[in-house]
Amino acid sequence: MALALAAKDIPYRVLRSARGFRVLVPEHHAPAAQTEIAAMRSELDQPPMEPPPPRSGTHTVFLPLLAEGIFGLVTTHVLPLTTIPRSVWIDIGSAKAHAIQDGELWRAVTALTLHADGAHLIANLAAGALFVVMAARRFGAGLTWLAITLAAAMANLLVAWFLGSPHDSIGFSTAVFAAVGLAAWSNERRLSTTVAIGLALLALLGMGGEDTDLASHVAGLITGLMAGGILKRWAPRTRALDALLFGAALLLPVSAWVLALRAATPPIP
């Protein structure tokens, strides 16, 4: 306390009494002294700063995007040249509302990995990369990807539940908007700015025509914001935990596709 007053050149005296120490200042310096003491106590009451989340290499952050791109190109351009037409993958993996309501919950995840065409795939990957990196700086790569995947899947589930049949959708764009919502919490001072960017992106990509799944885009943005709000006070503090979460994020779509292929009728050859 005395140091705070001395730093502001406020004259003072320290007296010892039966109750402890007392700090005396001239009457005309009392308001300034009270202000400095209040500021010092406010700083002392602040919780200690937490260490930043483990920094993940760029290759780690972009690995799921690379996997998404490869899988999208294979299902969109390579497999149609074989005996497995593209329509088969769409049929067993899209977010068909009636199928999800009947218990095929994995479709909420598999639909994120399917794309209308190559241009659709590239646009989604390019738009998502920026916001994934922004979120990863705050939460770490593992938690970021797990949160994005779960938030986007939840968005697909909510849309299927509320809209019902004949709603159907595919595409990574729902995950892109979930990434926007999560990235908005990367800097809380710029929360409104990032949300505004997300709304602009929604206007640009989310209303592109009658085939655009506006409901899923809006739901993705909302669930991403909710995920960021829940996780803003927590992030993995060790590389081991971040790696574990990253592995879970990669395993989620793989597991979803295993379930989808097992449930396919007729079975995929």
Protein backbone atom coordinates (compact mmCIF):
# COMPACT_ATOMS: atom_id res chain seq x y z
CA MET A 1 0.00 0.00 0.00
CA ALA A 2 2.78 2.40 0.96
CA LEU A 3 4.63 1.59 -2.26
CA ALA A 4 1.56 2.51 -4.30
CA LEU A 5 1.40 5.91 -2.60
CA ALA A 6 5.13 6.48 -2.98
CA ALA A 7 4.95 5.68 -6.69
CA LYS A 8 2.46 8.54 -7.12
CA ASP A 9 4.46 10.95 -4.89
CA ILE A 10 1.67 11.05 -2.30
CA PRO A 11 3.12 11.92 1.14
CA TYR A 12 2.27 9.44 3.89
CA ARG A 13 3.26 8.15 7.29
CA VAL A 14 2.98 4.62 8.65
CA LEU A 15 2.00 4.29 12.30
CA ARG A 16 1.94 1.10 14.31
CA SER A 17 -0.99 0.53 16.65
CA ALA A 18 -2.53 -2.30 18.65
CA ARG A 19 -4.61 -3.27 15.61
CA GLY A 20 -1.66 -3.30 13.24
CA PHE A 21 -0.36 -0.59 10.92
CA ARG A 22 -2.12 2.58 9.81
CA VAL A 23 -1.24 4.78 6.84
CA LEU A 24 -1.81 8.50 7.30
CA VAL A 25 -1.86 11.05 4.47
CA PRO A 26 -2.55 14.81 4.43
CA GLU A 27 -6.25 15.57 4.15
CA HIS A 28 -6.00 17.19 0.72
CA HIS A 29 -4.22 14.05 -0.61
CA ALA A 30 -6.86 11.68 0.77
CA PRO A 31 -8.96 11.33 -2.45
CA ALA A 32 -5.90 10.52 -4.57
CA ALA A 33 -4.62 8.08 -1.94
CA GLN A 34 -7.97 6.28 -1.79
CA THR A 35 -8.00 5.98 -5.59
CA GLU A 36 -4.51 4.45 -5.68
CA ILE A 37 -5.26 2.05 -2.83
CA ALA A 38 -8.49 0.93 -4.52
CA ALA A 39 -6.64 0.36 -7.80
CA MET A 40 -3.96 -1.66 -6.04
CA ARG A 41 -6.52 -3.84 -4.27
CA SER A 42 -8.35 -4.40 -7.55
CA GLU A 43 -5.15 -5.68 -9.15
CA LEU A 44 -4.46 -7.96 -6.19
CA ASP A 45 -7.97 -9.39 -6.43
CA GLN A 46 -7.47 -10.38 -10.08
CA PRO A 47 -6.99 -14.14 -10.53
CA PRO A 48 -3.49 -15.14 -11.62
CA MET A 49 -2.98 -15.32 -15.36
CA GLU A 50 -3.20 -18.83 -16.69
CA PRO A 51 -0.46 -20.11 -18.95
CA PRO A 52 -1.35 -20.01 -22.64
CA PRO A 53 -2.56 -23.23 -24.25
CA PRO A 54 0.11 -25.35 -25.89
CA ARG A 55 1.09 -24.02 -29.27
CA SER A 56 0.42 -26.54 -31.99
CA GLY A 57 2.37 -26.57 -35.19
CA THR A 58 0.73 -25.29 -38.34
CA HIS A 59 0.82 -28.79 -39.82
CA THR A 60 -1.21 -30.07 -36.86
CA VAL A 61 -3.91 -27.43 -37.20
CA PHE A 62 -4.29 -27.99 -40.93
CA LEU A 63 -4.11 -31.80 -40.86
CA PRO A 64 -7.90 -32.29 -40.53
CA LEU A 65 -8.46 -29.80 -43.36
CA LEU A 66 -6.06 -31.79 -45.52
CA ALA A 67 -7.84 -35.03 -44.62
CA GLU A 68 -11.20 -33.39 -45.38
CA GLY A 69 -9.90 -32.24 -48.75
CA ILE A 70 -8.53 -35.64 -49.71
CA PHE A 71 -11.69 -37.47 -48.64
CA GLY A 72 -13.84 -34.92 -50.46
CA LEU A 73 -11.87 -35.27 -53.68
CA VAL A 74 -11.96 -39.06 -53.47
CA THR A 75 -15.73 -39.26 -52.94
CA THR A 76 -16.48 -36.49 -55.43
CA HIS A 77 -14.10 -37.29 -58.30
CA VAL A 78 -12.29 -40.62 -57.82
CA LEU A 79 -14.86 -43.15 -56.59
CA PRO A 80 -17.47 -42.11 -59.19
CA LEU A 81 -15.02 -43.48 -61.79
CA THR A 82 -15.26 -46.92 -60.15
CA THR A 83 -18.26 -49.10 -59.40
CA ILE A 84 -19.33 -46.89 -56.46
CA PRO A 85 -21.22 -43.84 -57.77
CA ARG A 86 -21.14 -40.59 -55.83
CA SER A 87 -24.87 -40.86 -55.14
CA VAL A 88 -24.22 -43.90 -52.94
CA TRP A 89 -22.00 -41.89 -50.57
CA ILE A 90 -24.55 -39.09 -50.46
CA ASP A 91 -27.33 -41.56 -49.73
CA ILE A 92 -25.62 -43.24 -46.78
CA GLY A 93 -23.89 -40.17 -45.33
CA SER A 94 -26.04 -37.08 -45.83
CA ALA A 95 -27.93 -35.44 -42.96
CA LYS A 96 -31.35 -36.81 -43.90
CA ALA A 97 -33.71 -35.54 -41.25
CA HIS A 98 -35.98 -38.59 -41.23
CA ALA A 99 -33.00 -40.97 -40.97
CA ILE A 100 -31.48 -38.97 -38.10
CA GLN A 101 -34.83 -38.97 -36.32
CA ASP A 102 -34.92 -42.75 -36.79
CA GLY A 103 -31.63 -43.09 -34.88
CA GLU A 104 -28.91 -42.71 -37.53
CA LEU A 105 -27.17 -40.01 -35.51
CA TRP A 106 -23.82 -40.58 -37.23
CA ARG A 107 -25.18 -38.76 -40.27
CA ALA A 108 -24.75 -35.48 -38.36
CA VAL A 109 -20.99 -36.06 -38.64
CA THR A 110 -20.65 -37.89 -41.97
CA ALA A 111 -22.59 -35.14 -43.74
CA LEU A 112 -19.80 -32.70 -42.83
CA THR A 113 -17.35 -34.68 -44.97
CA LEU A 114 -19.45 -34.75 -48.16
CA HIS A 115 -19.52 -32.01 -50.80
CA ALA A 116 -21.59 -31.08 -53.82
CA ASP A 117 -18.54 -30.62 -56.06
CA GLY A 118 -14.89 -29.59 -56.06
CA ALA A 119 -15.66 -25.87 -56.01
CA HIS A 120 -17.91 -26.35 -52.98
CA LEU A 121 -15.11 -28.25 -51.22
CA ILE A 122 -12.40 -25.67 -51.94
CA ALA A 123 -14.60 -22.75 -50.89
CA ASN A 124 -15.38 -24.40 -47.55
CA LEU A 125 -11.76 -25.30 -46.81
CA ALA A 126 -10.51 -21.82 -47.69
CA ALA A 127 -13.18 -20.09 -45.62
CA GLY A 128 -12.67 -22.38 -42.65
CA ALA A 129 -8.86 -22.22 -42.49
CA LEU A 130 -8.69 -18.66 -41.15
CA PHE A 131 -11.18 -19.21 -38.34
CA VAL A 132 -9.70 -22.57 -37.35
CA VAL A 133 -6.29 -20.93 -36.88
CA MET A 134 -7.84 -18.08 -34.87
CA ALA A 135 -9.59 -20.52 -32.55
CA ALA A 136 -6.54 -22.79 -32.22
CA ARG A 137 -4.45 -19.89 -30.90
CA ARG A 138 -6.82 -19.65 -27.95
CA PHE A 139 -7.89 -23.24 -27.36
CA GLY A 140 -5.16 -25.39 -28.92
CA ALA A 141 -5.55 -27.48 -32.06
CA GLY A 142 -7.03 -30.54 -30.36
CA LEU A 143 -9.80 -28.82 -28.44
CA THR A 144 -10.53 -26.54 -31.40
CA TRP A 145 -11.15 -29.38 -33.83
CA LEU A 146 -13.11 -31.47 -31.33
CA ALA A 147 -15.30 -28.47 -30.44
CA ILE A 148 -15.88 -27.56 -34.10
CA THR A 149 -16.84 -31.11 -35.03
CA LEU A 150 -19.19 -31.55 -32.09
CA ALA A 151 -20.75 -28.10 -32.53
CA ALA A 152 -21.35 -28.68 -36.24
CA ALA A 153 -22.78 -32.14 -35.57
CA MET A 154 -25.08 -30.67 -32.93
CA ALA A 155 -26.22 -28.06 -35.47
CA ASN A 156 -27.11 -30.81 -37.95
CA LEU A 157 -29.00 -32.71 -35.25
CA LEU A 158 -30.96 -29.63 -34.20
CA VAL A 159 -31.90 -28.76 -37.77
CA ALA A 160 -32.98 -32.34 -38.49
CA TRP A 161 -35.06 -32.39 -35.31
CA PHE A 162 -36.82 -29.08 -35.90
CA LEU A 163 -37.26 -29.16 -39.70
CA GLY A 164 -37.86 -32.88 -40.16
CA SER A 165 -38.44 -34.58 -43.51
CA PRO A 166 -37.69 -33.87 -46.33
CA HIS A 167 -34.73 -31.79 -45.07
CA ASP A 168 -31.35 -33.11 -46.20
CA SER A 169 -27.90 -31.53 -46.33
CA ILE A 170 -24.21 -32.16 -46.96
CA GLY A 171 -21.11 -30.05 -46.69
CA PHE A 172 -18.39 -28.74 -44.40
CA SER A 173 -19.92 -25.26 -44.37
CA THR A 174 -21.82 -25.98 -41.15
CA ALA A 175 -18.44 -26.67 -39.53
CA VAL A 176 -17.07 -23.45 -41.04
CA PHE A 177 -19.75 -21.43 -39.27
CA ALA A 178 -19.13 -23.37 -36.06
CA ALA A 179 -15.47 -22.39 -36.43
CA VAL A 180 -16.51 -18.74 -36.82
CA GLY A 181 -18.49 -18.94 -33.59
CA LEU A 182 -15.62 -20.58 -31.72
CA ALA A 183 -13.04 -18.16 -33.13
CA ALA A 184 -15.13 -15.23 -31.93
CA TRP A 185 -13.93 -16.09 -28.41
CA SER A 186 -10.24 -16.06 -29.40
CA ASN A 187 -10.20 -12.40 -28.37
CA GLU A 188 -13.16 -11.35 -26.26
CA ARG A 189 -12.45 -7.67 -26.92
CA ARG A 190 -13.11 -8.34 -30.59
CA LEU A 191 -16.02 -10.70 -30.05
CA SER A 192 -18.55 -8.44 -31.76
CA THR A 193 -16.18 -7.83 -34.69
CA THR A 194 -15.65 -11.54 -35.30
CA VAL A 195 -19.38 -12.22 -35.06
CA ALA A 196 -19.97 -9.44 -37.58
CA ILE A 197 -17.46 -11.10 -39.92
CA GLY A 198 -19.33 -14.37 -39.45
CA LEU A 199 -22.63 -12.72 -40.33
CA ALA A 200 -21.02 -11.20 -43.42
CA LEU A 201 -19.75 -14.66 -44.37
CA LEU A 202 -23.26 -15.98 -43.79
CA ALA A 203 -24.61 -13.35 -46.17
CA LEU A 204 -21.92 -14.22 -48.73
CA LEU A 205 -21.95 -18.02 -48.55
CA GLY A 206 -25.06 -18.83 -46.59
CA MET A 207 -27.59 -17.35 -48.97
CA GLY A 208 -26.17 -18.49 -52.24
CA GLY A 209 -29.28 -20.01 -53.76
CA GLU A 210 -32.15 -22.39 -53.24
CA ASP A 211 -29.76 -25.31 -52.60
CA THR A 212 -28.04 -23.47 -49.76
CA ASP A 213 -28.76 -24.89 -46.31
CA LEU A 214 -29.27 -21.60 -44.48
CA ALA A 215 -30.73 -23.29 -41.38
CA SER A 216 -27.61 -25.42 -40.85
CA HIS A 217 -25.34 -22.41 -41.37
CA VAL A 218 -27.16 -20.35 -38.76
CA ALA A 219 -27.30 -23.31 -36.38
CA GLY A 220 -23.56 -23.89 -36.85
CA LEU A 221 -22.78 -20.27 -35.98
CA ILE A 222 -24.96 -20.45 -32.86
CA THR A 223 -23.57 -23.77 -31.60
CA GLY A 224 -20.03 -22.54 -32.27
CA LEU A 225 -20.67 -19.42 -30.20
CA MET A 226 -22.13 -21.55 -27.42
CA ALA A 227 -19.13 -23.89 -27.47
CA GLY A 228 -16.72 -20.96 -27.27
CA GLY A 229 -18.67 -19.42 -24.42
CA ILE A 230 -18.52 -22.68 -22.48
CA LEU A 231 -14.83 -23.34 -23.19
CA LYS A 232 -13.50 -19.76 -22.93
CA ARG A 233 -12.20 -20.36 -19.39
CA TRP A 234 -10.58 -23.67 -20.22
CA ALA A 235 -7.97 -24.93 -22.63
CA PRO A 236 -5.58 -27.91 -22.50
CA ARG A 237 -2.40 -26.96 -20.65
CA THR A 238 -0.21 -29.81 -21.84
CA ARG A 239 0.72 -31.06 -25.28
CA ALA A 240 -0.28 -34.58 -24.25
CA LEU A 241 -3.86 -33.54 -23.47
CA ASP A 242 -4.04 -31.44 -26.64
CA ALA A 243 -2.84 -34.44 -28.65
CA LEU A 244 -5.46 -36.66 -26.98
CA LEU A 245 -8.25 -34.23 -27.89
CA PHE A 246 -6.86 -33.95 -31.42
CA GLY A 247 -6.95 -37.73 -31.78
CA ALA A 248 -10.55 -37.78 -30.57
CA ALA A 249 -11.45 -35.13 -33.15
CA LEU A 250 -9.95 -37.25 -35.95
CA LEU A 251 -11.54 -40.45 -34.65
CA LEU A 252 -15.05 -38.98 -34.56
CA PRO A 253 -15.67 -38.79 -38.36
CA VAL A 254 -13.88 -42.10 -38.91
CA SER A 255 -16.14 -43.81 -36.38
CA ALA A 256 -19.20 -42.14 -37.89
CA TRP A 257 -18.34 -43.51 -41.32
CA VAL A 258 -17.75 -46.99 -39.91
CA LEU A 259 -21.27 -46.91 -38.49
CA ALA A 260 -22.65 -45.53 -41.75
CA LEU A 261 -21.03 -48.26 -43.85
CA ARG A 262 -22.23 -50.98 -41.49
CA ALA A 263 -25.79 -49.68 -41.68
CA ALA A 264 -25.75 -49.23 -45.47
CA THR A 265 -28.45 -51.16 -47.34
CA PRO A 266 -27.38 -52.77 -49.58
CA PRO A 267 -23.81 -53.04 -48.21
CA ILE A 268 -21.09 -51.09 -50.03
CA PRO A 269 -19.10 -53.58 -52.14
